[in-house]
Amino acid sequence: MPFIETSMEEPEVKLLPEAEYELRTTSASIKGIKKDNPDGSRKRLNVGLASTEYPEAETIWWGVNLPHPRSSDQANKMSQRQLVAFFKLFGIPYEMTGWASEDITGHTARVLVTVGTDQDGAAVNELKFRF
């Protein structure tokens, strides 16, 4: 196999310090959940957010598993509360029967951002809001 020439320096991660920031929704995708989902029918909404005040900061990712018939009532209710709270906070339009994924991007809200860790132990920014 040939040698692949590329920089292998680890890039600096630019996280926001804990504070409230104005964030803008920049992307949204719906993907299948990997765990316990043999038919691929269980889905997760992932939303990318950017600071309007610090555009050089890393994208902040927020996600929620979508309600599903195989999920428990408790899990489905929690997902619904999180979705409604997020949509209300950012002023994203929705109806009582659903929403359009293309309506998610381009909305702003002032949100508390904290620093946490992801499943691999890397530092990441996280959103904190009531739901």
N, C-alpha and C. Protein backbone atom coordinates (compact mmCIF):
# COMPACT_ATOMS: atom_id res chain seq x y z
N MET A 1 0.85 -1.17 0.00
CA MET A 1 0.00 0.00 0.00
C MET A 1 0.90 1.24 0.00
N PRO A 2 0.59 2.25 -0.82
CA PRO A 2 1.44 3.44 -0.90
C PRO A 2 1.32 4.31 0.36
N PHE A 3 2.35 5.11 0.57
CA PHE A 3 2.36 6.07 1.68
C PHE A 3 1.41 7.22 1.34
N ILE A 4 0.53 7.54 2.27
CA ILE A 4 -0.42 8.64 2.07
C ILE A 4 0.12 9.86 2.80
N GLU A 5 0.43 10.89 2.05
CA GLU A 5 1.00 12.10 2.64
C GLU A 5 -0.12 13.02 3.11
N THR A 6 -0.14 13.26 4.42
CA THR A 6 -1.14 14.16 5.02
C THR A 6 -0.65 14.57 6.40
N SER A 7 -1.07 15.73 6.86
CA SER A 7 -0.71 16.18 8.20
C SER A 7 -1.39 15.29 9.23
N MET A 8 -0.64 14.84 10.20
CA MET A 8 -1.20 14.00 11.26
C MET A 8 -1.21 14.74 12.60
N GLU A 9 -1.05 16.07 12.55
CA GLU A 9 -1.14 16.85 13.77
C GLU A 9 -2.59 16.86 14.24
N GLU A 10 -2.77 16.69 15.53
CA GLU A 10 -4.12 16.70 16.08
C GLU A 10 -4.60 18.15 16.16
N PRO A 11 -5.72 18.46 15.49
CA PRO A 11 -6.19 19.85 15.49
C PRO A 11 -6.69 20.28 16.88
N GLU A 12 -6.52 21.56 17.15
CA GLU A 12 -7.00 22.12 18.42
C GLU A 12 -8.52 22.14 18.42
N VAL A 13 -9.12 21.70 19.52
CA VAL A 13 -10.56 21.73 19.68
C VAL A 13 -10.93 23.06 20.32
N LYS A 14 -11.78 23.83 19.66
CA LYS A 14 -12.17 25.14 20.16
C LYS A 14 -13.56 25.08 20.78
N LEU A 15 -13.59 24.79 22.08
CA LEU A 15 -14.85 24.71 22.80
C LEU A 15 -15.19 26.05 23.40
N LEU A 16 -16.49 26.28 23.59
CA LEU A 16 -16.95 27.47 24.29
C LEU A 16 -16.87 27.23 25.78
N PRO A 17 -16.41 28.22 26.57
CA PRO A 17 -16.47 28.06 28.02
C PRO A 17 -17.93 28.09 28.48
N GLU A 18 -18.21 27.54 29.66
CA GLU A 18 -19.58 27.49 30.15
C GLU A 18 -20.15 28.89 30.31
N ALA A 19 -21.26 29.14 29.61
CA ALA A 19 -21.96 30.43 29.66
C ALA A 19 -23.18 30.33 28.74
N GLU A 20 -23.98 31.39 28.72
CA GLU A 20 -25.08 31.46 27.76
C GLU A 20 -24.57 32.07 26.47
N TYR A 21 -25.01 31.49 25.34
CA TYR A 21 -24.61 31.96 24.02
C TYR A 21 -25.81 31.98 23.10
N GLU A 22 -25.75 32.85 22.10
CA GLU A 22 -26.75 32.78 21.04
C GLU A 22 -26.27 31.73 20.05
N LEU A 23 -27.10 30.72 19.84
CA LEU A 23 -26.76 29.62 18.93
C LEU A 23 -27.73 29.61 17.76
N ARG A 24 -27.23 29.19 16.60
CA ARG A 24 -28.03 29.08 15.39
C ARG A 24 -28.03 27.62 14.94
N THR A 25 -29.19 27.11 14.60
CA THR A 25 -29.27 25.75 14.07
C THR A 25 -28.73 25.77 12.64
N THR A 26 -27.72 24.95 12.37
CA THR A 26 -27.05 24.97 11.07
C THR A 26 -27.28 23.72 10.23
N SER A 27 -27.64 22.63 10.86
CA SER A 27 -27.88 21.39 10.11
C SER A 27 -28.79 20.48 10.91
N ALA A 28 -29.46 19.59 10.21
CA ALA A 28 -30.31 18.60 10.86
C ALA A 28 -30.31 17.33 10.02
N SER A 29 -30.23 16.20 10.70
CA SER A 29 -30.30 14.93 10.00
C SER A 29 -31.03 13.92 10.86
N ILE A 30 -31.64 12.97 10.20
CA ILE A 30 -32.32 11.87 10.89
C ILE A 30 -31.64 10.59 10.44
N LYS A 31 -31.14 9.85 11.43
CA LYS A 31 -30.39 8.63 11.13
C LYS A 31 -30.91 7.48 11.98
N GLY A 32 -30.66 6.28 11.52
CA GLY A 32 -31.03 5.10 12.28
C GLY A 32 -30.15 4.96 13.52
N ILE A 33 -30.76 4.50 14.60
CA ILE A 33 -30.03 4.23 15.83
C ILE A 33 -29.30 2.90 15.65
N LYS A 34 -28.07 2.83 16.08
CA LYS A 34 -27.27 1.61 15.87
C LYS A 34 -27.61 0.51 16.86
N LYS A 35 -27.88 0.87 18.12
CA LYS A 35 -28.07 -0.12 19.18
C LYS A 35 -29.50 -0.65 19.19
N ASP A 36 -29.65 -1.97 19.27
CA ASP A 36 -30.96 -2.63 19.39
C ASP A 36 -31.95 -2.15 18.33
N ASN A 37 -31.52 -2.12 17.08
CA ASN A 37 -32.36 -1.62 16.00
C ASN A 37 -32.16 -2.45 14.74
N PRO A 38 -32.50 -3.75 14.79
CA PRO A 38 -32.18 -4.64 13.67
C PRO A 38 -32.82 -4.25 12.34
N ASP A 39 -34.01 -3.67 12.37
CA ASP A 39 -34.67 -3.32 11.11
C ASP A 39 -34.44 -1.87 10.69
N GLY A 40 -33.72 -1.11 11.52
CA GLY A 40 -33.40 0.28 11.18
C GLY A 40 -34.54 1.25 11.33
N SER A 41 -35.64 0.82 11.95
CA SER A 41 -36.82 1.69 12.04
C SER A 41 -36.73 2.74 13.15
N ARG A 42 -35.90 2.50 14.16
CA ARG A 42 -35.74 3.50 15.24
C ARG A 42 -34.78 4.57 14.75
N LYS A 43 -35.19 5.84 14.91
CA LYS A 43 -34.42 6.95 14.36
C LYS A 43 -34.04 7.97 15.45
N ARG A 44 -33.04 8.78 15.11
CA ARG A 44 -32.55 9.83 16.00
C ARG A 44 -32.41 11.12 15.19
N LEU A 45 -32.87 12.22 15.77
CA LEU A 45 -32.69 13.54 15.17
C LEU A 45 -31.40 14.12 15.73
N ASN A 46 -30.50 14.55 14.86
CA ASN A 46 -29.25 15.21 15.25
C ASN A 46 -29.25 16.61 14.65
N VAL A 47 -28.98 17.61 15.50
CA VAL A 47 -28.98 19.00 15.07
C VAL A 47 -27.61 19.61 15.37
N GLY A 48 -27.02 20.25 14.37
CA GLY A 48 -25.77 20.99 14.55
C GLY A 48 -26.08 22.44 14.86
N LEU A 49 -25.34 23.00 15.83
CA LEU A 49 -25.55 24.38 16.24
C LEU A 49 -24.22 25.12 16.25
N ALA A 50 -24.27 26.39 15.87
CA ALA A 50 -23.07 27.22 15.85
C ALA A 50 -23.31 28.47 16.68
N SER A 51 -22.27 28.93 17.35
CA SER A 51 -22.35 30.18 18.10
C SER A 51 -22.32 31.34 17.12
N THR A 52 -23.29 32.26 17.25
CA THR A 52 -23.27 33.45 16.40
C THR A 52 -22.21 34.43 16.89
N GLU A 53 -21.82 34.31 18.16
CA GLU A 53 -20.83 35.22 18.76
C GLU A 53 -19.39 34.74 18.55
N TYR A 54 -19.19 33.43 18.45
CA TYR A 54 -17.86 32.83 18.31
C TYR A 54 -17.88 31.82 17.17
N PRO A 55 -17.89 32.29 15.93
CA PRO A 55 -18.01 31.36 14.79
C PRO A 55 -16.85 30.37 14.65
N GLU A 56 -15.72 30.66 15.31
CA GLU A 56 -14.58 29.74 15.22
C GLU A 56 -14.74 28.52 16.14
N ALA A 57 -15.71 28.56 17.04
CA ALA A 57 -15.93 27.44 17.97
C ALA A 57 -16.46 26.21 17.23
N GLU A 58 -16.20 25.05 17.81
CA GLU A 58 -16.66 23.78 17.23
C GLU A 58 -18.19 23.76 17.13
N THR A 59 -18.69 23.00 16.17
CA THR A 59 -20.13 22.76 16.08
C THR A 59 -20.57 22.02 17.34
N ILE A 60 -21.69 22.45 17.90
CA ILE A 60 -22.28 21.77 19.05
C ILE A 60 -23.38 20.86 18.50
N TRP A 61 -23.37 19.60 18.92
CA TRP A 61 -24.36 18.64 18.43
C TRP A 61 -25.37 18.34 19.52
N TRP A 62 -26.64 18.39 19.16
CA TRP A 62 -27.72 18.02 20.07
C TRP A 62 -28.55 16.96 19.35
N GLY A 63 -28.98 15.96 20.09
CA GLY A 63 -29.76 14.90 19.46
C GLY A 63 -30.77 14.30 20.41
N VAL A 64 -31.78 13.68 19.82
CA VAL A 64 -32.81 13.00 20.60
C VAL A 64 -33.34 11.82 19.78
N ASN A 65 -33.56 10.70 20.47
CA ASN A 65 -34.19 9.56 19.82
C ASN A 65 -35.65 9.91 19.57
N LEU A 66 -36.14 9.59 18.38
CA LEU A 66 -37.53 9.88 18.06
C LEU A 66 -38.44 8.81 18.66
N PRO A 67 -39.66 9.20 19.06
CA PRO A 67 -40.59 8.21 19.61
C PRO A 67 -40.80 7.06 18.62
N HIS A 68 -40.97 5.86 19.18
CA HIS A 68 -41.09 4.65 18.35
C HIS A 68 -41.96 3.63 19.09
N PRO A 69 -42.77 2.86 18.37
CA PRO A 69 -43.65 1.87 19.03
C PRO A 69 -42.91 0.84 19.88
N ARG A 70 -41.66 0.51 19.55
CA ARG A 70 -40.91 -0.48 20.35
C ARG A 70 -40.27 0.13 21.59
N SER A 71 -40.26 1.46 21.68
CA SER A 71 -39.69 2.12 22.87
C SER A 71 -40.74 2.14 23.97
N SER A 72 -40.29 2.27 25.19
CA SER A 72 -41.22 2.32 26.33
C SER A 72 -42.01 3.63 26.29
N ASP A 73 -43.17 3.63 26.94
CA ASP A 73 -43.97 4.86 27.04
C ASP A 73 -43.16 5.97 27.69
N GLN A 74 -42.41 5.62 28.71
CA GLN A 74 -41.60 6.62 29.42
C GLN A 74 -40.54 7.23 28.49
N ALA A 75 -39.87 6.39 27.71
CA ALA A 75 -38.85 6.88 26.77
C ALA A 75 -39.48 7.76 25.69
N ASN A 76 -40.64 7.35 25.18
CA ASN A 76 -41.32 8.14 24.15
C ASN A 76 -41.77 9.50 24.69
N LYS A 77 -42.29 9.53 25.92
CA LYS A 77 -42.72 10.80 26.52
C LYS A 77 -41.52 11.72 26.74
N MET A 78 -40.40 11.18 27.17
CA MET A 78 -39.20 11.98 27.37
C MET A 78 -38.73 12.57 26.03
N SER A 79 -38.73 11.74 24.98
CA SER A 79 -38.35 12.22 23.65
C SER A 79 -39.27 13.35 23.19
N GLN A 80 -40.57 13.17 23.39
CA GLN A 80 -41.53 14.19 22.98
C GLN A 80 -41.30 15.49 23.75
N ARG A 81 -41.05 15.41 25.06
CA ARG A 81 -40.80 16.61 25.86
C ARG A 81 -39.54 17.33 25.37
N GLN A 82 -38.50 16.57 25.08
CA GLN A 82 -37.25 17.17 24.61
C GLN A 82 -37.45 17.85 23.25
N LEU A 83 -38.14 17.18 22.33
CA LEU A 83 -38.40 17.76 21.01
C LEU A 83 -39.19 19.06 21.12
N VAL A 84 -40.29 19.03 21.86
CA VAL A 84 -41.14 20.22 21.98
C VAL A 84 -40.37 21.36 22.64
N ALA A 85 -39.63 21.07 23.69
CA ALA A 85 -38.85 22.12 24.38
C ALA A 85 -37.82 22.72 23.44
N PHE A 86 -37.11 21.90 22.69
CA PHE A 86 -36.10 22.37 21.75
C PHE A 86 -36.75 23.21 20.65
N PHE A 87 -37.85 22.73 20.08
CA PHE A 87 -38.53 23.46 19.01
C PHE A 87 -39.06 24.79 19.52
N LYS A 88 -39.64 24.82 20.71
CA LYS A 88 -40.14 26.08 21.28
C LYS A 88 -39.00 27.04 21.54
N LEU A 89 -37.92 26.56 22.13
CA LEU A 89 -36.77 27.39 22.46
C LEU A 89 -36.22 28.09 21.22
N PHE A 90 -36.11 27.36 20.12
CA PHE A 90 -35.53 27.90 18.89
C PHE A 90 -36.59 28.49 17.94
N GLY A 91 -37.85 28.41 18.30
CA GLY A 91 -38.90 28.95 17.43
C GLY A 91 -39.06 28.17 16.15
N ILE A 92 -38.83 26.87 16.21
CA ILE A 92 -38.96 26.00 15.04
C ILE A 92 -40.43 25.60 14.92
N PRO A 93 -41.03 25.78 13.74
CA PRO A 93 -42.45 25.45 13.60
C PRO A 93 -42.70 23.93 13.68
N TYR A 94 -43.81 23.59 14.30
CA TYR A 94 -44.23 22.19 14.35
C TYR A 94 -45.74 22.14 14.51
N GLU A 95 -46.30 20.99 14.22
CA GLU A 95 -47.73 20.76 14.41
C GLU A 95 -47.86 19.64 15.44
N MET A 96 -49.03 19.43 15.95
CA MET A 96 -49.23 18.39 16.96
C MET A 96 -49.01 16.99 16.39
N THR A 97 -48.98 16.85 15.08
CA THR A 97 -48.78 15.55 14.46
C THR A 97 -47.37 15.37 13.89
N GLY A 98 -46.52 16.41 13.98
CA GLY A 98 -45.17 16.27 13.45
C GLY A 98 -44.55 17.58 13.05
N TRP A 99 -43.48 17.47 12.24
CA TRP A 99 -42.71 18.64 11.83
C TRP A 99 -41.94 18.29 10.57
N ALA A 100 -41.46 19.34 9.89
CA ALA A 100 -40.69 19.14 8.66
C ALA A 100 -39.21 19.36 8.97
N SER A 101 -38.37 18.39 8.65
CA SER A 101 -36.95 18.49 8.99
C SER A 101 -36.28 19.69 8.32
N GLU A 102 -36.76 20.10 7.15
CA GLU A 102 -36.15 21.25 6.48
C GLU A 102 -36.42 22.56 7.21
N ASP A 103 -37.37 22.58 8.15
CA ASP A 103 -37.68 23.79 8.92
C ASP A 103 -36.75 23.99 10.12
N ILE A 104 -35.87 23.05 10.40
CA ILE A 104 -35.06 23.11 11.62
C ILE A 104 -33.91 24.11 11.51
N THR A 105 -33.29 24.23 10.37
CA THR A 105 -32.09 25.07 10.26
C THR A 105 -32.43 26.55 10.15
N GLY A 106 -31.49 27.38 10.65
CA GLY A 106 -31.61 28.82 10.52
C GLY A 106 -32.27 29.54 11.68
N HIS A 107 -32.57 28.83 12.76
CA HIS A 107 -33.23 29.45 13.92
C HIS A 107 -32.20 29.72 15.02
N THR A 108 -32.43 30.76 15.81
CA THR A 108 -31.50 31.11 16.89
C THR A 108 -32.20 31.14 18.23
N ALA A 109 -31.41 30.91 19.28
CA ALA A 109 -31.90 31.01 20.66
C ALA A 109 -30.70 31.23 21.57
N ARG A 110 -30.95 31.82 22.71
CA ARG A 110 -29.92 32.00 23.74
C ARG A 110 -30.01 30.78 24.66
N VAL A 111 -28.90 30.04 24.78
CA VAL A 111 -28.90 28.75 25.46
C VAL A 111 -27.66 28.63 26.35
N LEU A 112 -27.83 27.99 27.51
CA LEU A 112 -26.69 27.69 28.37
C LEU A 112 -25.89 26.56 27.72
N VAL A 113 -24.59 26.81 27.57
CA VAL A 113 -23.67 25.81 27.02
C VAL A 113 -22.70 25.41 28.13
N THR A 114 -22.52 24.12 28.31
CA THR A 114 -21.58 23.61 29.30
C THR A 114 -20.53 22.76 28.60
N VAL A 115 -19.50 22.36 29.36
CA VAL A 115 -18.48 21.48 28.82
C VAL A 115 -18.65 20.12 29.48
N GLY A 116 -18.79 19.08 28.68
CA GLY A 116 -18.92 17.71 29.17
C GLY A 116 -17.98 16.80 28.41
N THR A 117 -18.25 15.51 28.46
CA THR A 117 -17.44 14.55 27.71
C THR A 117 -18.35 13.66 26.88
N ASP A 118 -17.84 13.24 25.73
CA ASP A 118 -18.60 12.32 24.89
C ASP A 118 -18.33 10.88 25.31
N GLN A 119 -18.88 9.91 24.58
CA GLN A 119 -18.74 8.49 24.94
C GLN A 119 -17.31 8.00 24.87
N ASP A 120 -16.44 8.75 24.17
CA ASP A 120 -15.03 8.38 24.08
C ASP A 120 -14.16 9.13 25.08
N GLY A 121 -14.78 9.98 25.90
CA GLY A 121 -14.04 10.73 26.91
C GLY A 121 -13.48 12.06 26.42
N ALA A 122 -13.80 12.45 25.19
CA ALA A 122 -13.32 13.73 24.65
C ALA A 122 -14.20 14.87 25.15
N ALA A 123 -13.61 16.04 25.38
CA ALA A 123 -14.36 17.21 25.82
C ALA A 123 -15.24 17.71 24.68
N VAL A 124 -16.50 18.01 24.99
CA VAL A 124 -17.47 18.53 24.02
C VAL A 124 -18.35 19.57 24.72
N ASN A 125 -18.94 20.46 23.92
CA ASN A 125 -19.94 21.37 24.45
C ASN A 125 -21.29 20.67 24.46
N GLU A 126 -22.10 20.99 25.47
CA GLU A 126 -23.44 20.42 25.60
C GLU A 126 -24.43 21.54 25.87
N LEU A 127 -25.67 21.35 25.44
CA LEU A 127 -26.75 22.30 25.71
C LEU A 127 -27.42 21.95 27.03
N LYS A 128 -27.84 22.96 27.77
CA LYS A 128 -28.64 22.75 28.97
C LYS A 128 -29.87 23.62 28.87
N PHE A 129 -31.05 23.00 28.82
CA PHE A 129 -32.30 23.74 28.80
C PHE A 129 -33.39 22.89 29.43
N ARG A 130 -34.43 23.56 29.89
CA ARG A 130 -35.55 22.85 30.54
C ARG A 130 -36.43 22.15 29.53
N PHE A 131 -36.84 20.93 29.89
CA PHE A 131 -37.83 20.22 29.06
C PHE A 131 -38.78 19.44 29.94
